[in-house]
């Protein structure tokens, strides 16, 4: 997101004009938020990758590990991975294929609809999911211990991000 670097800096004292935000002043802040969300996601993947390298887990990447973490104990179709928010990428079939090949995920044709494939974690997949879960638990404890962020702050951030998600979803859903 490099467009925000060409915009004028934000003037916090003049954000509100008659109680309504000035879109020209809001745009740089919005672009900064978009950039931050993107960087945070990439950093999360790097944190998982570094943990796997530390543990010499080299046959799965961070995107695949997040997929395993999000699926957890559920059994879902490949299509449901995206609709339920378990997977955010565009190449789900490649990652599923690799996870099945490496023994982290089991797949089988659905009994009701033979066109559909259902997937679930294998015991090896659950073990890897636990590695990611332990990493996240250590992070949560560290954030609290070092008072980096308070639970109330996360609640507020999550609320704002959910509203943004709904707005974007509506933009896609009602485009025509």
Protein backbone atom coordinates (compact mmCIF):
# COMPACT_ATOMS: atom_id res chain seq x y z
CA UNK A 1 0.00 0.00 0.00
CA UNK A 2 2.26 2.77 -1.17
CA UNK A 3 -0.40 5.32 -2.12
CA UNK A 4 -0.60 6.69 1.41
CA UNK A 5 3.00 7.91 1.21
CA UNK A 6 1.97 10.38 -1.51
CA UNK A 7 -0.89 11.84 0.53
CA UNK A 8 -0.63 14.80 2.83
CA UNK A 9 -0.01 14.05 6.49
CA UNK A 10 -3.01 13.84 8.77
CA UNK A 11 -3.96 16.86 10.88
CA UNK A 12 -5.50 15.37 14.05
CA UNK A 13 -6.91 18.72 15.21
CA UNK A 14 -9.08 19.15 12.12
CA UNK A 15 -10.44 15.60 11.75
CA UNK A 16 -13.99 16.65 12.54
CA UNK A 17 -15.84 19.41 10.77
CA UNK A 18 -19.28 19.83 12.27
CA UNK A 19 -19.14 16.30 13.73
CA UNK A 20 -18.52 14.65 10.33
CA UNK A 21 -15.04 13.36 9.44
CA UNK A 22 -13.44 15.04 6.44
CA UNK A 23 -12.92 12.23 3.86
CA UNK A 24 -9.71 13.90 2.65
CA UNK A 25 -8.26 13.71 6.14
CA UNK A 26 -9.72 10.27 6.81
CA UNK A 27 -8.19 8.65 3.70
CA UNK A 28 -4.55 8.62 4.90
CA UNK A 29 -5.60 7.11 8.23
CA UNK A 30 -7.69 4.46 6.43
CA UNK A 31 -4.80 3.59 4.11
CA UNK A 32 -2.44 3.38 7.07
CA UNK A 33 -4.85 0.92 8.72
CA UNK A 34 -5.03 -1.20 5.56
CA UNK A 35 -1.26 -1.30 5.39
CA UNK A 36 -1.02 -2.25 9.05
CA UNK A 37 -3.50 -5.12 8.67
CA UNK A 38 -1.53 -6.45 5.73
CA UNK A 39 1.80 -6.17 7.60
CA UNK A 40 0.35 -7.87 10.67
CA UNK A 41 -0.82 -10.83 8.62
CA UNK A 42 2.60 -11.18 7.00
CA UNK A 43 4.30 -10.91 10.39
CA UNK A 44 2.01 -13.61 11.78
CA UNK A 45 3.08 -15.92 8.97
CA UNK A 46 6.75 -15.09 9.68
CA UNK A 47 6.29 -15.80 13.40
CA UNK A 48 4.79 -19.23 12.61
CA UNK A 49 7.52 -19.94 10.05
CA UNK A 50 10.23 -19.06 12.58
CA UNK A 51 8.64 -21.32 15.19
CA UNK A 52 8.55 -24.20 12.72
CA UNK A 53 12.18 -23.63 11.75
CA UNK A 54 13.12 -23.60 15.45
CA UNK A 55 11.36 -26.96 15.84
CA UNK A 56 12.74 -28.30 12.51
CA UNK A 57 9.26 -28.65 11.02
CA UNK A 58 10.05 -28.09 7.37
CA UNK A 59 7.36 -29.95 5.41
CA UNK A 60 4.56 -27.46 6.03
CA UNK A 61 4.43 -23.71 5.53
CA UNK A 62 2.83 -21.07 7.74
CA UNK A 63 -0.28 -20.70 5.54
CA UNK A 64 -0.87 -24.46 5.74
CA UNK A 65 -0.30 -24.40 9.50
CA UNK A 66 -2.94 -21.67 9.93
CA UNK A 67 -5.32 -23.76 7.84
CA UNK A 68 -4.77 -26.73 10.17
CA UNK A 69 -5.19 -24.52 13.22
CA UNK A 70 -8.45 -23.07 11.94
CA UNK A 71 -9.96 -26.42 10.91
CA UNK A 72 -9.23 -27.94 14.31
CA UNK A 73 -11.68 -30.74 15.16
CA UNK A 74 -14.09 -29.90 12.33
CA UNK A 75 -14.69 -31.91 9.19
CA UNK A 76 -15.47 -29.62 6.27
CA UNK A 77 -15.61 -29.51 2.51
CA UNK A 78 -12.93 -27.68 0.60
CA UNK A 79 -15.46 -25.00 -0.31
CA UNK A 80 -16.39 -24.45 3.32
CA UNK A 81 -12.78 -23.64 4.19
CA UNK A 82 -13.19 -20.19 2.64
CA UNK A 83 -16.84 -19.55 3.52
CA UNK A 84 -16.23 -20.37 7.20
CA UNK A 85 -13.10 -18.23 7.26
CA UNK A 86 -10.68 -21.12 7.87
CA UNK A 87 -8.61 -20.21 4.83
CA UNK A 88 -7.97 -16.76 3.38
CA UNK A 89 -5.82 -17.57 0.35
CA UNK A 90 -6.67 -18.24 -3.27
CA UNK A 91 -4.92 -21.59 -3.83
CA UNK A 92 -6.75 -23.80 -1.35
CA UNK A 93 -6.52 -26.93 -3.54
CA UNK A 94 -2.70 -26.77 -3.65
CA UNK A 95 -2.41 -26.39 0.12
CA UNK A 96 -4.92 -29.18 0.78
CA UNK A 97 -3.04 -31.47 -1.61
CA UNK A 98 0.25 -30.79 0.20
CA UNK A 99 -1.32 -31.33 3.63
CA UNK A 100 -2.83 -34.64 2.50
CA UNK A 101 0.47 -35.74 0.89
CA UNK A 102 2.38 -34.96 4.09
CA UNK A 103 -0.10 -36.79 6.30
CA UNK A 104 -1.56 -33.78 8.12
CA UNK A 105 -5.02 -33.98 6.65
CA UNK A 106 -7.34 -36.77 5.57
CA UNK A 107 -9.72 -36.33 2.67
CA UNK A 108 -12.61 -38.46 1.46
CA UNK A 109 -15.50 -38.11 -0.94
CA UNK A 110 -18.70 -37.02 0.72
CA UNK A 111 -21.21 -39.86 0.98
CA UNK A 112 -24.14 -37.62 0.10
CA UNK A 113 -22.57 -35.58 -2.69
CA UNK A 114 -19.81 -37.56 -4.38
CA UNK A 115 -18.55 -34.41 -6.14
CA UNK A 116 -17.60 -32.94 -2.80
CA UNK A 117 -14.51 -33.81 -0.77
CA UNK A 118 -14.55 -33.59 3.03
CA UNK A 119 -11.33 -32.94 4.93
CA UNK A 120 -10.27 -33.35 8.54
CA UNK A 121 -7.04 -33.39 10.49
CA UNK A 122 -5.12 -36.62 10.98
CA UNK A 123 -3.42 -37.31 14.34
CA UNK A 124 -0.27 -35.79 12.81
CA UNK A 125 -2.32 -32.74 11.80
CA UNK A 126 -3.64 -32.40 15.35
CA UNK A 127 -0.06 -32.53 16.66
CA UNK A 128 0.93 -29.69 14.35
CA UNK A 129 -2.19 -27.75 15.27
CA UNK A 130 -1.14 -28.07 18.91
CA UNK A 131 2.25 -26.54 18.06
CA UNK A 132 0.49 -23.47 16.64
CA UNK A 133 -1.96 -23.38 19.54
CA UNK A 134 0.90 -23.48 22.05
CA UNK A 135 2.63 -20.65 20.18
CA UNK A 136 -0.53 -18.51 20.35
CA UNK A 137 -0.99 -19.32 24.06
CA UNK A 138 2.60 -18.19 24.76
CA UNK A 139 1.93 -14.99 22.83
CA UNK A 140 -1.28 -14.29 24.76
CA UNK A 141 0.52 -14.83 28.07
CA UNK A 142 3.43 -12.64 26.95
CA UNK A 143 1.15 -9.82 25.84
CA UNK A 144 -0.53 -9.78 29.24
CA UNK A 145 2.68 -10.31 31.25
CA UNK A 146 4.51 -7.50 29.47
CA UNK A 147 1.36 -5.33 29.42
CA UNK A 148 1.69 -4.86 25.68
CA UNK A 149 -2.06 -4.81 25.19
CA UNK A 150 -5.00 -5.24 27.54
CA UNK A 151 -7.92 -7.61 26.89
CA UNK A 152 -10.29 -4.61 26.70
CA UNK A 153 -8.09 -3.06 24.01
CA UNK A 154 -8.27 -6.27 21.97
CA UNK A 155 -12.06 -6.33 22.37
CA UNK A 156 -12.26 -2.80 20.97
CA UNK A 157 -9.87 -3.60 18.10
CA UNK A 158 -11.84 -6.74 17.26
CA UNK A 159 -15.10 -4.80 17.26
CA UNK A 160 -13.72 -2.21 14.85
CA UNK A 161 -12.23 -4.90 12.59
CA UNK A 162 -15.56 -6.77 12.52
CA UNK A 163 -17.36 -3.58 11.46
CA UNK A 164 -14.78 -3.06 8.71
CA UNK A 165 -15.21 -6.70 7.64
CA UNK A 166 -19.00 -6.23 7.44
CA UNK A 167 -18.57 -3.04 5.41
CA UNK A 168 -16.24 -4.75 2.92
CA UNK A 169 -18.50 -7.80 2.74
CA UNK A 170 -21.45 -5.53 1.95
CA UNK A 171 -19.39 -3.81 -0.75
CA UNK A 172 -18.77 -7.16 -2.42
CA UNK A 173 -22.26 -8.53 -1.90
CA UNK A 174 -24.11 -5.46 -3.15
CA UNK A 175 -21.81 -4.37 -5.95
CA UNK A 176 -24.53 -4.65 -8.62
